[in-house]
Amino acid sequence: MAYDNDNIFAKILRGEIPCKTVYEDDFALAFHDINPQAPVHVLVIPKGPYVSLDDFSLQAEPAEIGGFFAAVGETARALGVVDGGYRILANIGRDANQEVAHFHVHIFAGRQLGPMIKKG
């Protein structure tokens, strides 16, 4: 899958679409999801044009990879969810229902989140 420079996250990164920012640094931007699935639902996206974790891990520089995952931790701390616990999730590809072709991690928190995957 080729990267689409007009995807919604690319537009957010360019400032064309506003977001409610939680954390930002040179490597990542974290913002509240517009359709939250938990009391706390934040997306963390790398600033580079990566379609998936596979693309990111193959193409990004080690500093980008380390910086991105450090930003996930910084975001969780900024949200105050570390003590109570949180879940991170990245949907990669069609079978995982990835909706935006820009690599991103969801942070969910604020309630008991239940089992990881329901059988069925």
PDB file of N, CA and C in Angstrom:
ATOM      1  N   MET A   1       0.850  -1.181   0.000  1.00  0.00           N
ATOM      2  CA  MET A   1       0.000   0.000   0.000  1.00  0.00           C
ATOM      3  C   MET A   1       0.894   1.241   0.000  1.00  0.00           C
ATOM      4  N   ALA A   2       0.691   2.110  -0.949  1.00  0.00           N
ATOM      5  CA  ALA A   2       1.464   3.350  -1.055  1.00  0.00           C
ATOM      6  C   ALA A   2       0.921   4.401  -0.084  1.00  0.00           C
ATOM      7  N   TYR A   3       1.802   5.249   0.398  1.00  0.00           N
ATOM      8  CA  TYR A   3       1.396   6.313   1.297  1.00  0.00           C
ATOM      9  C   TYR A   3       0.608   7.368   0.533  1.00  0.00           C
ATOM     10  N   ASP A   4      -0.508   7.790   1.102  1.00  0.00           N
ATOM     11  CA  ASP A   4      -1.362   8.822   0.512  1.00  0.00           C
ATOM     12  C   ASP A   4      -1.140  10.129   1.272  1.00  0.00           C
ATOM     13  N   ASN A   5      -0.533  11.106   0.631  1.00  0.00           N
ATOM     14  CA  ASN A   5      -0.254  12.385   1.277  1.00  0.00           C
ATOM     15  C   ASN A   5      -1.512  13.179   1.624  1.00  0.00           C
ATOM     16  N   ASP A   6      -2.661  12.727   1.176  1.00  0.00           N
ATOM     17  CA  ASP A   6      -3.915  13.407   1.495  1.00  0.00           C
ATOM     18  C   ASP A   6      -4.729  12.679   2.546  1.00  0.00           C
ATOM     19  N   ASN A   7      -4.134  11.696   3.238  1.00  0.00           N
ATOM     20  CA  ASN A   7      -4.893  11.035   4.310  1.00  0.00           C
ATOM     21  C   ASN A   7      -5.106  12.025   5.457  1.00  0.00           C
ATOM     22  N   ILE A   8      -6.070  11.730   6.297  1.00  0.00           N
ATOM     23  CA  ILE A   8      -6.460  12.682   7.349  1.00  0.00           C
ATOM     24  C   ILE A   8      -5.315  12.998   8.306  1.00  0.00           C
ATOM     25  N   PHE A   9      -4.458  12.012   8.605  1.00  0.00           N
ATOM     26  CA  PHE A   9      -3.358  12.277   9.536  1.00  0.00           C
ATOM     27  C   PHE A   9      -2.288  13.157   8.891  1.00  0.00           C
ATOM     28  N   ALA A  10      -2.052  12.983   7.609  1.00  0.00           N
ATOM     29  CA  ALA A  10      -1.126  13.867   6.901  1.00  0.00           C
ATOM     30  C   ALA A  10      -1.656  15.301   6.942  1.00  0.00           C
ATOM     31  N   LYS A  11      -2.960  15.459   6.763  1.00  0.00           N
ATOM     32  CA  LYS A  11      -3.557  16.791   6.808  1.00  0.00           C
ATOM     33  C   LYS A  11      -3.463  17.390   8.207  1.00  0.00           C
ATOM     34  N   ILE A  12      -3.628  16.566   9.243  1.00  0.00           N
ATOM     35  CA  ILE A  12      -3.469  17.040  10.620  1.00  0.00           C
ATOM     36  C   ILE A  12      -2.033  17.486  10.841  1.00  0.00           C
ATOM     37  N   LEU A  13      -1.070  16.683  10.392  1.00  0.00           N
ATOM     38  CA  LEU A  13       0.340  17.043  10.562  1.00  0.00           C
ATOM     39  C   LEU A  13       0.678  18.348   9.855  1.00  0.00           C
ATOM     40  N   ARG A  14       0.044  18.623   8.720  1.00  0.00           N
ATOM     41  CA  ARG A  14       0.296  19.877   7.988  1.00  0.00           C
ATOM     42  C   ARG A  14      -0.487  21.058   8.564  1.00  0.00           C
ATOM     43  N   GLY A  15      -1.348  20.810   9.544  1.00  0.00           N
ATOM     44  CA  GLY A  15      -2.139  21.878  10.144  1.00  0.00           C
ATOM     45  C   GLY A  15      -3.387  22.234   9.366  1.00  0.00           C
ATOM     46  N   GLU A  16      -3.754  21.414   8.377  1.00  0.00           N
ATOM     47  CA  GLU A  16      -4.944  21.676   7.569  1.00  0.00           C
ATOM     48  C   GLU A  16      -6.229  21.279   8.293  1.00  0.00           C
ATOM     49  N   ILE A  17      -6.126  20.344   9.229  1.00  0.00           N
ATOM     50  CA  ILE A  17      -7.260  19.901  10.040  1.00  0.00           C
ATOM     51  C   ILE A  17      -6.829  20.045  11.495  1.00  0.00           C
ATOM     52  N   PRO A  18      -7.647  20.715  12.309  1.00  0.00           N
ATOM     53  CA  PRO A  18      -7.263  20.893  13.711  1.00  0.00           C
ATOM     54  C   PRO A  18      -7.398  19.590  14.505  1.00  0.00           C
ATOM     55  N   CYS A  19      -6.671  19.526  15.606  1.00  0.00           N
ATOM     56  CA  CYS A  19      -6.789  18.397  16.522  1.00  0.00           C
ATOM     57  C   CYS A  19      -6.595  18.913  17.939  1.00  0.00           C
ATOM     58  N   LYS A  20      -7.019  18.110  18.895  1.00  0.00           N
ATOM     59  CA  LYS A  20      -6.833  18.440  20.308  1.00  0.00           C
ATOM     60  C   LYS A  20      -5.556  17.738  20.769  1.00  0.00           C
ATOM     61  N   THR A  21      -4.446  18.464  20.698  1.00  0.00           N
ATOM     62  CA  THR A  21      -3.126  17.906  20.961  1.00  0.00           C
ATOM     63  C   THR A  21      -2.929  17.587  22.437  1.00  0.00           C
ATOM     64  N   VAL A  22      -2.341  16.414  22.680  1.00  0.00           N
ATOM     65  CA  VAL A  22      -1.953  15.989  24.021  1.00  0.00           C
ATOM     66  C   VAL A  22      -0.446  16.125  24.192  1.00  0.00           C
ATOM     67  N   TYR A  23       0.300  15.764  23.145  1.00  0.00           N
ATOM     68  CA  TYR A  23       1.761  15.757  23.213  1.00  0.00           C
ATOM     69  C   TYR A  23       2.300  15.920  21.793  1.00  0.00           C
ATOM     70  N   GLU A  24       3.431  16.614  21.684  1.00  0.00           N
ATOM     71  CA  GLU A  24       4.092  16.732  20.388  1.00  0.00           C
ATOM     72  C   GLU A  24       5.576  16.928  20.606  1.00  0.00           C
ATOM     73  N   ASP A  25       6.378  16.281  19.769  1.00  0.00           N
ATOM     74  CA  ASP A  25       7.812  16.503  19.744  1.00  0.00           C
ATOM     75  C   ASP A  25       8.285  16.363  18.297  1.00  0.00           C
ATOM     76  N   ASP A  26       9.575  16.222  18.094  1.00  0.00           N
ATOM     77  CA  ASP A  26      10.121  16.142  16.737  1.00  0.00           C
ATOM     78  C   ASP A  26       9.711  14.873  15.995  1.00  0.00           C
ATOM     79  N   PHE A  27       9.309  13.842  16.731  1.00  0.00           N
ATOM     80  CA  PHE A  27       9.047  12.544  16.126  1.00  0.00           C
ATOM     81  C   PHE A  27       7.576  12.169  16.023  1.00  0.00           C
ATOM     82  N   ALA A  28       6.738  12.746  16.878  1.00  0.00           N
ATOM     83  CA  ALA A  28       5.350  12.274  16.955  1.00  0.00           C
ATOM     84  C   ALA A  28       4.394  13.383  17.361  1.00  0.00           C
ATOM     85  N   LEU A  29       3.130  13.135  17.059  1.00  0.00           N
ATOM     86  CA  LEU A  29       2.031  13.992  17.485  1.00  0.00           C
ATOM     87  C   LEU A  29       0.985  13.082  18.111  1.00  0.00           C
ATOM     88  N   ALA A  30       0.512  13.460  19.302  1.00  0.00           N
ATOM     89  CA  ALA A  30      -0.541  12.701  19.987  1.00  0.00           C
ATOM     90  C   ALA A  30      -1.745  13.612  20.168  1.00  0.00           C
ATOM     91  N   PHE A  31      -2.924  13.080  19.856  1.00  0.00           N
ATOM     92  CA  PHE A  31      -4.138  13.889  19.938  1.00  0.00           C
ATOM     93  C   PHE A  31      -5.338  13.006  20.243  1.00  0.00           C
ATOM     94  N   HIS A  32      -6.384  13.627  20.776  1.00  0.00           N
ATOM     95  CA  HIS A  32      -7.606  12.909  21.132  1.00  0.00           C
ATOM     96  C   HIS A  32      -8.336  12.428  19.876  1.00  0.00           C
ATOM     97  N   ASP A  33      -8.807  11.178  19.926  1.00  0.00           N
ATOM     98  CA  ASP A  33      -9.589  10.607  18.838  1.00  0.00           C
ATOM     99  C   ASP A  33     -10.944  11.314  18.776  1.00  0.00           C
ATOM    100  N   ILE A  34     -11.436  11.583  17.576  1.00  0.00           N
ATOM    101  CA  ILE A  34     -12.727  12.277  17.441  1.00  0.00           C
ATOM    102  C   ILE A  34     -13.908  11.349  17.683  1.00  0.00           C
ATOM    103  N   ASN A  35     -13.666  10.047  17.735  1.00  0.00           N
ATOM    104  CA  ASN A  35     -14.720   9.060  18.004  1.00  0.00           C
ATOM    105  C   ASN A  35     -14.219   8.106  19.084  1.00  0.00           C
ATOM    106  N   PRO A  36     -14.100   8.595  20.333  1.00  0.00           N
ATOM    107  CA  PRO A  36     -13.457   7.790  21.372  1.00  0.00           C
ATOM    108  C   PRO A  36     -14.203   6.492  21.685  1.00  0.00           C
ATOM    109  N   GLN A  37     -13.406   5.436  21.895  1.00  0.00           N
ATOM    110  CA  GLN A  37     -13.936   4.114  22.223  1.00  0.00           C
ATOM    111  C   GLN A  37     -13.737   3.777  23.702  1.00  0.00           C
ATOM    112  N   ALA A  38     -13.164   4.689  24.464  1.00  0.00           N
ATOM    113  CA  ALA A  38     -12.943   4.558  25.908  1.00  0.00           C
ATOM    114  C   ALA A  38     -12.900   5.971  26.472  1.00  0.00           C
ATOM    115  N   PRO A  39     -13.009   6.119  27.805  1.00  0.00           N
ATOM    116  CA  PRO A  39     -12.941   7.468  28.375  1.00  0.00           C
ATOM    117  C   PRO A  39     -11.688   8.236  27.963  1.00  0.00           C
ATOM    118  N   VAL A  40     -10.571   7.535  27.841  1.00  0.00           N
ATOM    119  CA  VAL A  40      -9.356   8.125  27.285  1.00  0.00           C
ATOM    120  C   VAL A  40      -9.057   7.367  26.001  1.00  0.00           C
ATOM    121  N   HIS A  41      -8.999   8.068  24.892  1.00  0.00           N
ATOM    122  CA  HIS A  41      -8.676   7.465  23.590  1.00  0.00           C
ATOM    123  C   HIS A  41      -7.878   8.494  22.807  1.00  0.00           C
ATOM    124  N   VAL A  42      -6.576   8.247  22.734  1.00  0.00           N
ATOM    125  CA  VAL A  42      -5.652   9.173  22.088  1.00  0.00           C
ATOM    126  C   VAL A  42      -4.900   8.431  20.997  1.00  0.00           C
ATOM    127  N   LEU A  43      -4.638   9.103  19.905  1.00  0.00           N
ATOM    128  CA  LEU A  43      -3.843   8.552  18.809  1.00  0.00           C
ATOM    129  C   LEU A  43      -2.451   9.165  18.857  1.00  0.00           C
ATOM    130  N   VAL A  44      -1.449   8.340  18.608  1.00  0.00           N
ATOM    131  CA  VAL A  44      -0.072   8.819  18.501  1.00  0.00           C
ATOM    132  C   VAL A  44       0.404   8.448  17.103  1.00  0.00           C
ATOM    133  N   ILE A  45       0.835   9.454  16.347  1.00  0.00           N
ATOM    134  CA  ILE A  45       1.261   9.222  14.964  1.00  0.00           C
ATOM    135  C   ILE A  45       2.689   9.722  14.770  1.00  0.00           C
ATOM    136  N   PRO A  46       3.486   8.995  13.988  1.00  0.00           N
ATOM    137  CA  PRO A  46       4.809   9.513  13.667  1.00  0.00           C
ATOM    138  C   PRO A  46       4.682  10.670  12.679  1.00  0.00           C
ATOM    139  N   LYS A  47       5.659  11.532  12.667  1.00  0.00           N
ATOM    140  CA  LYS A  47       5.608  12.680  11.765  1.00  0.00           C
ATOM    141  C   LYS A  47       6.027  12.347  10.338  1.00  0.00           C
ATOM    142  N   GLY A  48       6.590  11.177  10.134  1.00  0.00           N
ATOM    143  CA  GLY A  48       6.987  10.764   8.796  1.00  0.00           C
ATOM    144  C   GLY A  48       5.876  10.025   8.078  1.00  0.00           C
ATOM    145  N   PRO A  49       6.009   9.862   6.757  1.00  0.00           N
ATOM    146  CA  PRO A  49       4.967   9.229   5.929  1.00  0.00           C
ATOM    147  C   PRO A  49       5.077   7.707   5.900  1.00  0.00           C
ATOM    148  N   TYR A  50       4.602   7.069   6.967  1.00  0.00           N
ATOM    149  CA  TYR A  50       4.678   5.615   7.074  1.00  0.00           C
ATOM    150  C   TYR A  50       3.277   5.027   7.099  1.00  0.00           C
ATOM    151  N   VAL A  51       3.042   4.020   6.288  1.00  0.00           N
ATOM    152  CA  VAL A  51       1.718   3.415   6.153  1.00  0.00           C
ATOM    153  C   VAL A  51       1.386   2.516   7.339  1.00  0.00           C
ATOM    154  N   SER A  52       2.369   1.749   7.813  1.00  0.00           N
ATOM    155  CA  SER A  52       2.102   0.722   8.822  1.00  0.00           C
ATOM    156  C   SER A  52       3.334   0.544   9.700  1.00  0.00           C
ATOM    157  N   LEU A  53       3.198  -0.280  10.728  1.00  0.00           N
ATOM    158  CA  LEU A  53       4.344  -0.610  11.561  1.00  0.00           C
ATOM    159  C   LEU A  53       5.415  -1.303  10.735  1.00  0.00           C
ATOM    160  N   ASP A  54       5.020  -2.159   9.810  1.00  0.00           N
ATOM    161  CA  ASP A  54       5.981  -2.815   8.941  1.00  0.00           C
ATOM    162  C   ASP A  54       6.768  -1.776   8.143  1.00  0.00           C
ATOM    163  N   ASP A  55       6.076  -0.847   7.520  1.00  0.00           N
ATOM    164  CA  ASP A  55       6.717   0.221   6.747  1.00  0.00           C
ATOM    165  C   ASP A  55       7.624   1.061   7.651  1.00  0.00           C
ATOM    166  N   PHE A  56       7.117   1.433   8.811  1.00  0.00           N
ATOM    167  CA  PHE A  56       7.859   2.252   9.775  1.00  0.00           C
ATOM    168  C   PHE A  56       9.136   1.548  10.213  1.00  0.00           C
ATOM    169  N   SER A  57       9.024   0.275  10.578  1.00  0.00           N
ATOM    170  CA  SER A  57      10.198  -0.455  11.076  1.00  0.00           C
ATOM    171  C   SER A  57      11.232  -0.698   9.976  1.00  0.00           C
ATOM    172  N   LEU A  58      10.795  -0.759   8.722  1.00  0.00           N
ATOM    173  CA  LEU A  58      11.723  -0.947   7.605  1.00  0.00           C
ATOM    174  C   LEU A  58      12.357   0.354   7.118  1.00  0.00           C
ATOM    175  N   GLN A  59      11.607   1.444   7.129  1.00  0.00           N
ATOM    176  CA  GLN A  59      12.042   2.681   6.476  1.00  0.00           C
ATOM    177  C   GLN A  59      12.542   3.780   7.424  1.00  0.00           C
ATOM    178  N   ALA A  60      12.041   3.819   8.643  1.00  0.00           N
ATOM    179  CA  ALA A  60      12.406   4.909   9.558  1.00  0.00           C
ATOM    180  C   ALA A  60      13.815   4.716  10.100  1.00  0.00           C
ATOM    181  N   GLU A  61      14.438   5.814  10.410  1.00  0.00           N
ATOM    182  CA  GLU A  61      15.751   5.785  11.065  1.00  0.00           C
ATOM    183  C   GLU A  61      15.575   5.313  12.510  1.00  0.00           C
ATOM    184  N   PRO A  62      16.594   4.690  13.075  1.00  0.00           N
ATOM    185  CA  PRO A  62      16.493   4.242  14.472  1.00  0.00           C
ATOM    186  C   PRO A  62      16.076   5.354  15.438  1.00  0.00           C
ATOM    187  N   ALA A  63      16.556   6.574  15.222  1.00  0.00           N
ATOM    188  CA  ALA A  63      16.164   7.684  16.098  1.00  0.00           C
ATOM    189  C   ALA A  63      14.671   7.976  15.995  1.00  0.00           C
ATOM    190  N   GLU A  64      14.090   7.847  14.798  1.00  0.00           N
ATOM    191  CA  GLU A  64      12.647   8.056  14.627  1.00  0.00           C
ATOM    192  C   GLU A  64      11.862   6.973  15.361  1.00  0.00           C
ATOM    193  N   ILE A  65      12.310   5.744  15.233  1.00  0.00           N
ATOM    194  CA  ILE A  65      11.610   4.632  15.882  1.00  0.00           C
ATOM    195  C   ILE A  65      11.664   4.798  17.404  1.00  0.00           C
ATOM    196  N   GLY A  66      12.856   5.041  17.926  1.00  0.00           N
ATOM    197  CA  GLY A  66      12.988   5.247  19.365  1.00  0.00           C
ATOM    198  C   GLY A  66      12.218   6.466  19.844  1.00  0.00           C
ATOM    199  N   GLY A  67      12.302   7.544  19.077  1.00  0.00           N
ATOM    200  CA  GLY A  67      11.588   8.766  19.444  1.00  0.00           C
ATOM    201  C   GLY A  67      10.082   8.584  19.443  1.00  0.00           C
ATOM    202  N   PHE A  68       9.581   7.820  18.467  1.00  0.00           N
ATOM    203  CA  PHE A  68       8.142   7.587  18.403  1.00  0.00           C
ATOM    204  C   PHE A  68       7.661   6.821  19.631  1.00  0.00           C
ATOM    205  N   PHE A  69       8.338   5.722  19.953  1.00  0.00           N
ATOM    206  CA  PHE A  69       7.887   4.921  21.086  1.00  0.00           C
ATOM    207  C   PHE A  69       8.108   5.633  22.415  1.00  0.00           C
ATOM    208  N   ALA A  70       9.119   6.482  22.505  1.00  0.00           N
ATOM    209  CA  ALA A  70       9.268   7.329  23.688  1.00  0.00           C
ATOM    210  C   ALA A  70       8.090   8.300  23.790  1.00  0.00           C
ATOM    211  N   ALA A  71       7.624   8.803  22.657  1.00  0.00           N
ATOM    212  CA  ALA A  71       6.472   9.711  22.642  1.00  0.00           C
ATOM    213  C   ALA A  71       5.202   9.017  23.115  1.00  0.00           C
ATOM    214  N   VAL A  72       5.047   7.740  22.808  1.00  0.00           N
ATOM    215  CA  VAL A  72       3.893   6.980  23.315  1.00  0.00           C
ATOM    216  C   VAL A  72       3.931   6.982  24.841  1.00  0.00           C
ATOM    217  N   GLY A  73       5.105   6.709  25.420  1.00  0.00           N
ATOM    218  CA  GLY A  73       5.244   6.732  26.878  1.00  0.00           C
ATOM    219  C   GLY A  73       5.013   8.113  27.464  1.00  0.00           C
ATOM    220  N   GLU A  74       5.566   9.138  26.832  1.00  0.00           N
ATOM    221  CA  GLU A  74       5.359  10.517  27.299  1.00  0.00           C
ATOM    222  C   GLU A  74       3.880  10.887  27.263  1.00  0.00           C
ATOM    223  N   THR A  75       3.195  10.426  26.229  1.00  0.00           N
ATOM    224  CA  THR A  75       1.763  10.713  26.105  1.00  0.00           C
ATOM    225  C   THR A  75       0.989  10.057  27.240  1.00  0.00           C
ATOM    226  N   ALA A  76       1.281   8.800  27.525  1.00  0.00           N
ATOM    227  CA  ALA A  76       0.600   8.101  28.625  1.00  0.00           C
ATOM    228  C   ALA A  76       0.833   8.830  29.948  1.00  0.00           C
ATOM    229  N   ARG A  77       2.051   9.284  30.178  1.00  0.00           N
ATOM    230  CA  ARG A  77       2.338  10.034  31.403  1.00  0.00           C
ATOM    231  C   ARG A  77       1.578  11.361  31.413  1.00  0.00           C
ATOM    232  N   ALA A  78       1.544  12.053  30.278  1.00  0.00           N
ATOM    233  CA  ALA A  78       0.823  13.330  30.194  1.00  0.00           C
ATOM    234  C   ALA A  78      -0.674  13.147  30.461  1.00  0.00           C
ATOM    235  N   LEU A  79      -1.194  12.007  30.059  1.00  0.00           N
ATOM    236  CA  LEU A  79      -2.615  11.703  30.270  1.00  0.00           C
ATOM    237  C   LEU A  79      -2.911  11.245  31.694  1.00  0.00           C
ATOM    238  N   GLY A  80      -1.876  10.909  32.447  1.00  0.00           N
ATOM    239  CA  GLY A  80      -2.059  10.437  33.824  1.00  0.00           C
ATOM    240  C   GLY A  80      -2.636   9.038  33.919  1.00  0.00           C
ATOM    241  N   VAL A  81      -2.355   8.182  32.923  1.00  0.00           N
ATOM    242  CA  VAL A  81      -2.969   6.854  32.897  1.00  0.00           C
ATOM    243  C   VAL A  81      -2.013   5.726  33.276  1.00  0.00           C
ATOM    244  N   VAL A  82      -0.772   6.045  33.582  1.00  0.00           N
ATOM    245  CA  VAL A  82       0.213   5.003  33.844  1.00  0.00           C
ATOM    246  C   VAL A  82      -0.161   4.174  35.068  1.00  0.00           C
ATOM    247  N   ASP A  83      -0.523   4.801  36.175  1.00  0.00           N
ATOM    248  CA  ASP A  83      -0.826   4.056  37.401  1.00  0.00           C
ATOM    249  C   ASP A  83      -2.051   3.165  37.259  1.00  0.00           C
ATOM    250  N   GLY A  84      -3.096   3.652  36.621  1.00  0.00           N
ATOM    251  CA  GLY A  84      -4.319   2.867  36.457  1.00  0.00           C
ATOM    252  C   GLY A  84      -4.225   1.830  35.359  1.00  0.00           C
ATOM    253  N   GLY A  85      -3.308   2.036  34.437  1.00  0.00           N
ATOM    254  CA  GLY A  85      -3.126   1.110  33.325  1.00  0.00           C
ATOM    255  C   GLY A  85      -3.759   1.617  32.045  1.00  0.00           C
ATOM    256  N   TYR A  86      -3.207   1.158  30.953  1.00  0.00           N
ATOM    257  CA  TYR A  86      -3.710   1.555  29.639  1.00  0.00           C
ATOM    258  C   TYR A  86      -3.368   0.477  28.633  1.00  0.00           C
ATOM    259  N   ARG A  87      -3.995   0.561  27.483  1.00  0.00           N
ATOM    260  CA  ARG A  87      -3.748  -0.367  26.382  1.00  0.00           C
ATOM    261  C   ARG A  87      -3.289   0.428  25.176  1.00  0.00           C
ATOM    262  N   ILE A  88      -2.300  -0.131  24.456  1.00  0.00           N
ATOM    263  CA  ILE A  88      -1.952   0.450  23.163  1.00  0.00           C
ATOM    264  C   ILE A  88      -2.329  -0.560  22.096  1.00  0.00           C
ATOM    265  N   LEU A  89      -2.747  -0.045  20.961  1.00  0.00           N
ATOM    266  CA  LEU A  89      -3.221  -0.883  19.864  1.00  0.00           C
ATOM    267  C   LEU A  89      -2.819  -0.239  18.551  1.00  0.00           C
ATOM    268  N   ALA A  90      -2.316  -1.050  17.644  1.00  0.00           N
ATOM    269  CA  ALA A  90      -2.031  -0.589  16.283  1.00  0.00           C
ATOM    270  C   ALA A  90      -2.666  -1.585  15.321  1.00  0.00           C
ATOM    271  N   ASN A  91      -3.603  -1.131  14.528  1.00  0.00           N
ATOM    272  CA  ASN A  91      -4.219  -1.961  13.501  1.00  0.00           C
ATOM    273  C   ASN A  91      -3.372  -1.853  12.237  1.00  0.00           C
ATOM    274  N   ILE A  92      -2.925  -2.993  11.728  1.00  0.00           N
ATOM    275  CA  ILE A  92      -2.034  -2.998  10.570  1.00  0.00           C
ATOM    276  C   ILE A  92      -2.696  -3.781   9.442  1.00  0.00           C
ATOM    277  N   GLY A  93      -3.089  -3.097   8.393  1.00  0.00           N
ATOM    278  CA  GLY A  93      -3.631  -3.758   7.211  1.00  0.00           C
ATOM    279  C   GLY A  93      -5.115  -4.050   7.248  1.00  0.00           C
ATOM    280  N   ARG A  94      -5.580  -4.610   6.159  1.00  0.00           N
ATOM    281  CA  ARG A  94      -6.996  -4.873   5.922  1.00  0.00           C
ATOM    282  C   ARG A  94      -7.617  -5.794   6.974  1.00  0.00           C
ATOM    283  N   ASP A  95      -6.971  -6.934   7.257  1.00  0.00           N
ATOM    284  CA  ASP A  95      -7.551  -7.900   8.193  1.00  0.00           C
ATOM    285  C   ASP A  95      -7.645  -7.360   9.617  1.00  0.00           C
ATOM    286  N   ALA A  96      -6.835  -6.380   9.945  1.00  0.00           N
ATOM    287  CA  ALA A  96      -6.878  -5.765  11.273  1.00  0.00           C
ATOM    288  C   ALA A  96      -7.756  -4.507  11.295  1.00  0.00           C
ATOM    289  N   ASN A  97      -8.369  -4.197  10.160  1.00  0.00           N
ATOM    290  CA  ASN A  97      -9.279  -3.056  10.038  1.00  0.00           C
ATOM    291  C   ASN A  97      -8.580  -1.705  10.205  1.00  0.00           C
ATOM    292  N   GLN A  98      -7.383  -1.572   9.632  1.00  0.00           N
ATOM    293  CA  GLN A  98      -6.708  -0.279   9.647  1.00  0.00           C
ATOM    294  C   GLN A  98      -7.512   0.681   8.784  1.00  0.00           C
ATOM    295  N   GLU A  99      -7.963   1.783   9.388  1.00  0.00           N
ATOM    296  CA  GLU A  99      -8.833   2.713   8.687  1.00  0.00           C
ATOM    297  C   GLU A  99      -8.082   3.849   7.995  1.00  0.00           C
ATOM    298  N   VAL A 100      -6.949   4.271   8.544  1.00  0.00           N
ATOM    299  CA  VAL A 100      -6.160   5.343   7.954  1.00  0.00           C
ATOM    300  C   VAL A 100      -4.782   4.777   7.633  1.00  0.00           C
ATOM    301  N   ALA A 101      -4.357   4.925   6.402  1.00  0.00           N
ATOM    302  CA  ALA A 101      -3.076   4.367   5.958  1.00  0.00           C
ATOM    303  C   ALA A 101      -1.914   5.275   6.341  1.00  0.00           C
ATOM    304  N   HIS A 102      -1.850   5.596   7.616  1.00  0.00           N
ATOM    305  CA  HIS A 102      -0.712   6.292   8.232  1.00  0.00           C
ATOM    306  C   HIS A 102      -0.522   5.575   9.556  1.00  0.00           C
ATOM    307  N   PHE A 103       0.663   4.986   9.791  1.00  0.00           N
ATOM    308  CA  PHE A 103       0.901   4.239  11.018  1.00  0.00           C
ATOM    309  C   PHE A 103       0.498   5.068  12.227  1.00  0.00           C
ATOM    310  N   HIS A 104      -0.219   4.436  13.149  1.00  0.00           N
ATOM    311  CA  HIS A 104      -0.634   5.111  14.369  1.00  0.00           C
ATOM    312  C   HIS A 104      -0.897   4.095  15.470  1.00  0.00           C
ATOM    313  N   VAL A 105      -0.756   4.565  16.689  1.00  0.00           N
ATOM    314  CA  VAL A 105      -1.021   3.762  17.877  1.00  0.00           C
ATOM    315  C   VAL A 105      -2.155   4.431  18.640  1.00  0.00           C
ATOM    316  N   HIS A 106      -3.109   3.621  19.056  1.00  0.00           N
ATOM    317  CA  HIS A 106      -4.184   4.091  19.922  1.00  0.00           C
ATOM    318  C   HIS A 106      -3.764   3.865  21.368  1.00  0.00           C
ATOM    319  N   ILE A 107      -4.053   4.810  22.241  1.00  0.00           N
ATOM    320  CA  ILE A 107      -3.929   4.621  23.684  1.00  0.00           C
ATOM    321  C   ILE A 107      -5.343   4.658  24.246  1.00  0.00           C
ATOM    322  N   PHE A 108      -5.735   3.572  24.915  1.00  0.00           N
ATOM    323  CA  PHE A 108      -7.046   3.467  25.557  1.00  0.00           C
ATOM    324  C   PHE A 108      -6.848   3.376  27.065  1.00  0.00           C
ATOM    325  N   ALA A 109      -7.694   4.080  27.830  1.00  0.00           N
ATOM    326  CA  ALA A 109      -7.607   4.025  29.295  1.00  0.00           C
ATOM    327  C   ALA A 109      -8.883   4.607  29.896  1.00  0.00           C
ATOM    328  N   GLY A 110      -8.921   4.598  31.215  1.00  0.00           N
ATOM    329  CA  GLY A 110     -10.010   5.257  31.925  1.00  0.00           C
ATOM    330  C   GLY A 110     -11.110   4.332  32.411  1.00  0.00           C
ATOM    331  N   ARG A 111     -11.005   3.046  32.099  1.00  0.00           N
ATOM    332  CA  ARG A 111     -11.963   2.052  32.595  1.00  0.00           C
ATOM    333  C   ARG A 111     -11.366   0.670  32.370  1.00  0.00           C
ATOM    334  N   GLN A 112     -11.993  -0.347  32.962  1.00  0.00           N
ATOM    335  CA  GLN A 112     -11.595  -1.733  32.715  1.00  0.00           C
ATOM    336  C   GLN A 112     -11.869  -2.019  31.244  1.00  0.00           C
ATOM    337  N   LEU A 113     -10.854  -2.460  30.523  1.00  0.00           N
ATOM    338  CA  LEU A 113     -10.964  -2.608  29.087  1.00  0.00           C
ATOM    339  C   LEU A 113     -11.364  -4.006  28.623  1.00  0.00           C
ATOM    340  N   GLY A 114     -11.431  -4.966  29.537  1.00  0.00           N
ATOM    341  CA  GLY A 114     -11.881  -6.299  29.172  1.00  0.00           C
ATOM    342  C   GLY A 114     -10.827  -7.108  28.416  1.00  0.00           C
ATOM    343  N   PRO A 115     -11.258  -8.225  27.839  1.00  0.00           N
ATOM    344  CA  PRO A 115     -10.297  -9.096  27.160  1.00  0.00           C
ATOM    345  C   PRO A 115      -9.721  -8.422  25.906  1.00  0.00           C
ATOM    346  N   MET A 116      -8.550  -8.916  25.526  1.00  0.00           N
ATOM    347  CA  MET A 116      -7.888  -8.323  24.360  1.00  0.00           C
ATOM    348  C   MET A 116      -8.678  -8.549  23.084  1.00  0.00           C
ATOM    349  N   ILE A 117      -9.081  -9.787  22.841  1.00  0.00           N
ATOM    350  CA  ILE A 117      -9.837 -10.107  21.628  1.00  0.00           C
ATOM    351  C   ILE A 117     -10.959 -11.043  22.029  1.00  0.00           C
ATOM    352  N   LYS A 118     -12.158 -10.735  21.600  1.00  0.00           N
ATOM    353  CA  LYS A 118     -13.289 -11.613  21.883  1.00  0.00           C
ATOM    354  C   LYS A 118     -13.271 -12.793  20.908  1.00  0.00           C
ATOM    355  N   LYS A 119     -13.563 -13.942  21.424  1.00  0.00           N
ATOM    356  CA  LYS A 119     -13.611 -15.135  20.580  1.00  0.00           C
ATOM    357  C   LYS A 119     -14.826 -15.042  19.661  1.00  0.00           C
ATOM    358  N   GLY A 120     -14.674 -15.615  18.494  1.00  0.00           N
ATOM    359  CA  GLY A 120     -15.839 -15.625  17.613  1.00  0.00           C
ATOM    360  C   GLY A 120     -15.529 -15.422  16.247  1.00  0.00           C
TER     361      GLY A 120
END
